[in-house]
Amino acid sequence: MSEFSNSGGPPPIQSNDPGGHKANHDVNAQKLHAEGPPGFWQQISDLVIAVAVIAIFIVVIMWIF
């Protein structure tokens, strides 16, 4: 019953394939090295795109009615 009173999040994943874990880590490290961390400017550009899509939607709705 003690495993249900533990609210520290999900249980850790036990990997049976340490080579797969290392390969995944290597791919993530290579991607981070090539692209850099997702940062402030990427979030700003995503926000600008979202606002533009919403604005176009509003303009089309106003044009119809």
N, C-alpha and C. Protein backbone atom coordinates (compact mmCIF):
# COMPACT_ATOMS: atom_id res chain seq x y z
N MET A 1 0.82 -1.18 0.00
CA MET A 1 0.00 0.00 0.00
C MET A 1 0.86 1.25 0.00
N SER A 2 2.14 1.11 0.35
CA SER A 2 2.99 2.28 0.44
C SER A 2 3.28 2.89 -0.93
N GLU A 3 3.16 2.11 -2.02
CA GLU A 3 3.44 2.68 -3.34
C GLU A 3 2.36 3.67 -3.76
N PHE A 4 1.15 3.58 -3.18
CA PHE A 4 0.09 4.51 -3.53
C PHE A 4 0.19 5.82 -2.76
N SER A 5 0.81 5.81 -1.61
CA SER A 5 0.95 7.04 -0.84
C SER A 5 2.12 7.89 -1.33
N ASN A 6 2.94 7.35 -2.22
CA ASN A 6 4.08 8.07 -2.79
C ASN A 6 3.57 8.98 -3.90
N SER A 7 3.60 10.30 -3.68
CA SER A 7 3.11 11.24 -4.70
C SER A 7 4.27 11.98 -5.35
N GLY A 8 5.39 11.33 -5.51
CA GLY A 8 6.56 11.96 -6.09
C GLY A 8 6.59 11.91 -7.60
N GLY A 9 5.48 11.57 -8.25
CA GLY A 9 5.44 11.51 -9.70
C GLY A 9 5.44 10.08 -10.17
N PRO A 10 5.57 9.90 -11.48
CA PRO A 10 5.54 8.53 -12.01
C PRO A 10 6.79 7.76 -11.62
N PRO A 11 6.68 6.45 -11.58
CA PRO A 11 7.86 5.66 -11.22
C PRO A 11 8.92 5.77 -12.31
N PRO A 12 10.17 5.64 -11.96
CA PRO A 12 11.23 5.74 -12.97
C PRO A 12 11.12 4.59 -13.97
N ILE A 13 11.46 4.87 -15.20
CA ILE A 13 11.40 3.86 -16.25
C ILE A 13 12.66 3.01 -16.19
N GLN A 14 12.48 1.71 -16.12
CA GLN A 14 13.60 0.80 -16.10
C GLN A 14 13.89 0.37 -17.54
N SER A 15 15.03 0.76 -18.05
CA SER A 15 15.39 0.43 -19.43
C SER A 15 16.10 -0.92 -19.47
N ASN A 16 15.63 -1.77 -20.36
CA ASN A 16 16.30 -3.05 -20.56
C ASN A 16 17.32 -2.97 -21.68
N ASP A 17 17.40 -1.80 -22.32
CA ASP A 17 18.30 -1.63 -23.45
C ASP A 17 19.21 -0.42 -23.22
N PRO A 18 20.33 -0.61 -22.51
CA PRO A 18 21.21 0.53 -22.25
C PRO A 18 21.80 1.11 -23.53
N GLY A 19 21.97 0.30 -24.56
CA GLY A 19 22.47 0.82 -25.84
C GLY A 19 21.46 1.75 -26.48
N GLY A 20 20.17 1.44 -26.35
CA GLY A 20 19.12 2.31 -26.87
C GLY A 20 19.08 3.63 -26.13
N HIS A 21 19.27 3.59 -24.82
CA HIS A 21 19.30 4.82 -24.02
C HIS A 21 20.47 5.70 -24.46
N LYS A 22 21.62 5.10 -24.68
CA LYS A 22 22.79 5.87 -25.10
C LYS A 22 22.58 6.44 -26.50
N ALA A 23 21.97 5.67 -27.40
CA ALA A 23 21.71 6.15 -28.76
C ALA A 23 20.74 7.32 -28.73
N ASN A 24 19.71 7.23 -27.90
CA ASN A 24 18.75 8.33 -27.76
C ASN A 24 19.45 9.58 -27.21
N HIS A 25 20.30 9.38 -26.22
CA HIS A 25 21.04 10.50 -25.65
C HIS A 25 21.95 11.14 -26.69
N ASP A 26 22.62 10.33 -27.49
CA ASP A 26 23.52 10.84 -28.51
C ASP A 26 22.75 11.64 -29.58
N VAL A 27 21.58 11.16 -29.97
CA VAL A 27 20.77 11.88 -30.95
C VAL A 27 20.32 13.22 -30.38
N ASN A 28 19.87 13.22 -29.13
CA ASN A 28 19.43 14.47 -28.51
C ASN A 28 20.60 15.45 -28.35
N ALA A 29 21.77 14.95 -28.00
CA ALA A 29 22.94 15.81 -27.85
C ALA A 29 23.35 16.40 -29.19
N GLN A 30 23.29 15.60 -30.25
CA GLN A 30 23.65 16.09 -31.58
C GLN A 30 22.65 17.15 -32.05
N LYS A 31 21.37 16.92 -31.79
CA LYS A 31 20.34 17.91 -32.17
C LYS A 31 20.54 19.21 -31.40
N LEU A 32 20.82 19.12 -30.10
CA LEU A 32 21.05 20.30 -29.29
C LEU A 32 22.28 21.06 -29.78
N HIS A 33 23.32 20.33 -30.17
CA HIS A 33 24.54 20.97 -30.66
C HIS A 33 24.29 21.65 -32.01
N ALA A 34 23.49 21.04 -32.87
CA ALA A 34 23.25 21.58 -34.21
C ALA A 34 22.27 22.74 -34.19
N GLU A 35 21.20 22.63 -33.39
CA GLU A 35 20.14 23.63 -33.43
C GLU A 35 20.18 24.60 -32.26
N GLY A 36 20.80 24.24 -31.19
CA GLY A 36 20.77 25.07 -30.00
C GLY A 36 19.50 24.81 -29.21
N PRO A 37 19.46 25.31 -28.00
CA PRO A 37 18.27 25.09 -27.19
C PRO A 37 17.10 25.90 -27.71
N PRO A 38 15.88 25.38 -27.56
CA PRO A 38 14.73 26.19 -27.97
C PRO A 38 14.67 27.41 -27.06
N GLY A 39 14.65 28.56 -27.65
CA GLY A 39 14.80 29.74 -26.83
C GLY A 39 13.71 30.77 -27.01
N PHE A 40 14.04 31.94 -26.53
CA PHE A 40 13.11 33.06 -26.48
C PHE A 40 12.63 33.46 -27.86
N TRP A 41 13.53 33.54 -28.84
CA TRP A 41 13.13 34.01 -30.17
C TRP A 41 12.25 33.00 -30.88
N GLN A 42 12.45 31.72 -30.64
CA GLN A 42 11.58 30.70 -31.23
C GLN A 42 10.18 30.82 -30.63
N GLN A 43 10.09 31.07 -29.33
CA GLN A 43 8.78 31.24 -28.71
C GLN A 43 8.09 32.50 -29.21
N ILE A 44 8.85 33.57 -29.41
CA ILE A 44 8.29 34.82 -29.94
C ILE A 44 7.77 34.60 -31.35
N SER A 45 8.53 33.92 -32.20
CA SER A 45 8.08 33.70 -33.58
C SER A 45 6.84 32.80 -33.60
N ASP A 46 6.77 31.80 -32.72
CA ASP A 46 5.57 30.96 -32.65
C ASP A 46 4.36 31.79 -32.21
N LEU A 47 4.57 32.69 -31.27
CA LEU A 47 3.48 33.55 -30.81
C LEU A 47 3.01 34.49 -31.91
N VAL A 48 3.93 35.06 -32.67
CA VAL A 48 3.57 35.96 -33.77
C VAL A 48 2.77 35.20 -34.83
N ILE A 49 3.17 34.00 -35.14
CA ILE A 49 2.44 33.19 -36.12
C ILE A 49 1.03 32.88 -35.62
N ALA A 50 0.91 32.52 -34.35
CA ALA A 50 -0.41 32.21 -33.79
C ALA A 50 -1.31 33.44 -33.80
N VAL A 51 -0.78 34.60 -33.44
CA VAL A 51 -1.57 35.83 -33.45
C VAL A 51 -1.98 36.18 -34.87
N ALA A 52 -1.11 35.99 -35.84
CA ALA A 52 -1.44 36.29 -37.23
C ALA A 52 -2.56 35.38 -37.73
N VAL A 53 -2.52 34.10 -37.39
CA VAL A 53 -3.57 33.17 -37.81
C VAL A 53 -4.90 33.57 -37.19
N ILE A 54 -4.90 33.92 -35.91
CA ILE A 54 -6.13 34.35 -35.25
C ILE A 54 -6.65 35.64 -35.88
N ALA A 55 -5.77 36.58 -36.18
CA ALA A 55 -6.18 37.84 -36.79
C ALA A 55 -6.79 37.61 -38.17
N ILE A 56 -6.20 36.73 -38.95
CA ILE A 56 -6.76 36.42 -40.28
C ILE A 56 -8.13 35.79 -40.14
N PHE A 57 -8.29 34.91 -39.17
CA PHE A 57 -9.58 34.28 -38.92
C PHE A 57 -10.63 35.33 -38.55
N ILE A 58 -10.29 36.26 -37.69
CA ILE A 58 -11.22 37.32 -37.29
C ILE A 58 -11.57 38.20 -38.47
N VAL A 59 -10.60 38.56 -39.30
CA VAL A 59 -10.86 39.39 -40.47
C VAL A 59 -11.80 38.67 -41.44
N VAL A 60 -11.60 37.40 -41.66
CA VAL A 60 -12.47 36.64 -42.56
C VAL A 60 -13.89 36.59 -42.00
N ILE A 61 -14.03 36.36 -40.70
CA ILE A 61 -15.36 36.31 -40.07
C ILE A 61 -16.04 37.67 -40.19
N MET A 62 -15.31 38.76 -39.97
CA MET A 62 -15.91 40.10 -40.08
C MET A 62 -16.28 40.40 -41.53
N TRP A 63 -15.50 39.92 -42.47
CA TRP A 63 -15.79 40.16 -43.88
C TRP A 63 -17.04 39.42 -44.33
N ILE A 64 -17.24 38.20 -43.79
CA ILE A 64 -18.42 37.41 -44.13
C ILE A 64 -19.68 38.07 -43.58
N PHE A 65 -19.64 38.53 -42.35
CA PHE A 65 -20.81 39.14 -41.73
C PHE A 65 -20.71 40.61 -41.90
